[in-house]
Amino acid sequence: MRERKKEDWLDFLALTLAAYQLILPGVLLMLLFAVAVVWVLKWMAG
């Protein structure tokens, strides 16, 4: 019974890490785009 709980925990951890691997690149791209837009607006405002 104990081993099954450990396997469930490891499965949950693996799924969480996989979800982060799928989501993280998109989030980083959106943040990079937002920073670039702010930088360009500041540059244009002088």
C-alpha atoms as a PDB file:
ATOM      1  CA  MET A   1       0.000   0.000   0.000  1.00  0.00           C
ATOM      2  CA  ARG A   2       2.830   2.399   0.856  1.00  0.00           C
ATOM      3  CA  GLU A   3       4.561   1.833  -2.471  1.00  0.00           C
ATOM      4  CA  ARG A   4       1.424   2.740  -4.390  1.00  0.00           C
ATOM      5  CA  LYS A   5       1.235   6.076  -2.585  1.00  0.00           C
ATOM      6  CA  LYS A   6       4.841   6.773  -3.502  1.00  0.00           C
ATOM      7  CA  GLU A   7       4.140   5.920  -7.134  1.00  0.00           C
ATOM      8  CA  ASP A   8       1.121   8.218  -7.152  1.00  0.00           C
ATOM      9  CA  TRP A   9       3.256  11.037  -5.774  1.00  0.00           C
ATOM     10  CA  LEU A  10       5.923  10.452  -8.408  1.00  0.00           C
ATOM     11  CA  ASP A  11       3.280  10.354 -11.144  1.00  0.00           C
ATOM     12  CA  PHE A  12       1.878  13.658  -9.894  1.00  0.00           C
ATOM     13  CA  LEU A  13       5.351  15.195  -9.836  1.00  0.00           C
ATOM     14  CA  ALA A  14       6.071  13.964 -13.366  1.00  0.00           C
ATOM     15  CA  LEU A  15       2.787  15.370 -14.689  1.00  0.00           C
ATOM     16  CA  THR A  16       3.406  18.705 -12.978  1.00  0.00           C
ATOM     17  CA  LEU A  17       6.890  18.986 -14.463  1.00  0.00           C
ATOM     18  CA  ALA A  18       5.576  18.056 -17.897  1.00  0.00           C
ATOM     19  CA  ALA A  19       2.890  20.732 -17.655  1.00  0.00           C
ATOM     20  CA  TYR A  20       5.486  23.339 -16.697  1.00  0.00           C
ATOM     21  CA  GLN A  21       7.642  22.296 -19.633  1.00  0.00           C
ATOM     22  CA  LEU A  22       4.691  22.861 -21.960  1.00  0.00           C
ATOM     23  CA  ILE A  23       3.570  26.155 -20.419  1.00  0.00           C
ATOM     24  CA  LEU A  24       6.890  27.824 -19.574  1.00  0.00           C
ATOM     25  CA  PRO A  25       8.118  28.632 -23.123  1.00  0.00           C
ATOM     26  CA  GLY A  26       4.852  30.382 -23.969  1.00  0.00           C
ATOM     27  CA  VAL A  27       4.888  32.396 -20.754  1.00  0.00           C
ATOM     28  CA  LEU A  28       8.507  33.405 -21.319  1.00  0.00           C
ATOM     29  CA  LEU A  29       7.741  34.492 -24.873  1.00  0.00           C
ATOM     30  CA  MET A  30       4.801  36.618 -23.707  1.00  0.00           C
ATOM     31  CA  LEU A  31       6.963  38.254 -21.023  1.00  0.00           C
ATOM     32  CA  LEU A  32       9.736  38.902 -23.527  1.00  0.00           C
ATOM     33  CA  PHE A  33       7.231  40.451 -25.942  1.00  0.00           C
ATOM     34  CA  ALA A  34       5.787  42.663 -23.192  1.00  0.00           C
ATOM     35  CA  VAL A  35       9.255  43.862 -22.176  1.00  0.00           C
ATOM     36  CA  ALA A  36      10.106  44.581 -25.811  1.00  0.00           C
ATOM     37  CA  VAL A  37       6.906  46.616 -26.280  1.00  0.00           C
ATOM     38  CA  VAL A  38       7.590  48.663 -23.141  1.00  0.00           C
ATOM     39  CA  TRP A  39      11.178  49.217 -24.242  1.00  0.00           C
ATOM     40  CA  VAL A  40      10.090  50.391 -27.712  1.00  0.00           C
ATOM     41  CA  LEU A  41       7.449  52.718 -26.251  1.00  0.00           C
ATOM     42  CA  LYS A  42       9.996  54.262 -23.884  1.00  0.00           C
ATOM     43  CA  TRP A  43      12.438  54.633 -26.772  1.00  0.00           C
ATOM     44  CA  MET A  44       9.802  56.329 -28.940  1.00  0.00           C
ATOM     45  CA  ALA A  45       8.750  58.698 -26.123  1.00  0.00           C
ATOM     46  CA  GLY A  46      12.325  59.815 -25.778  1.00  0.00           C
END
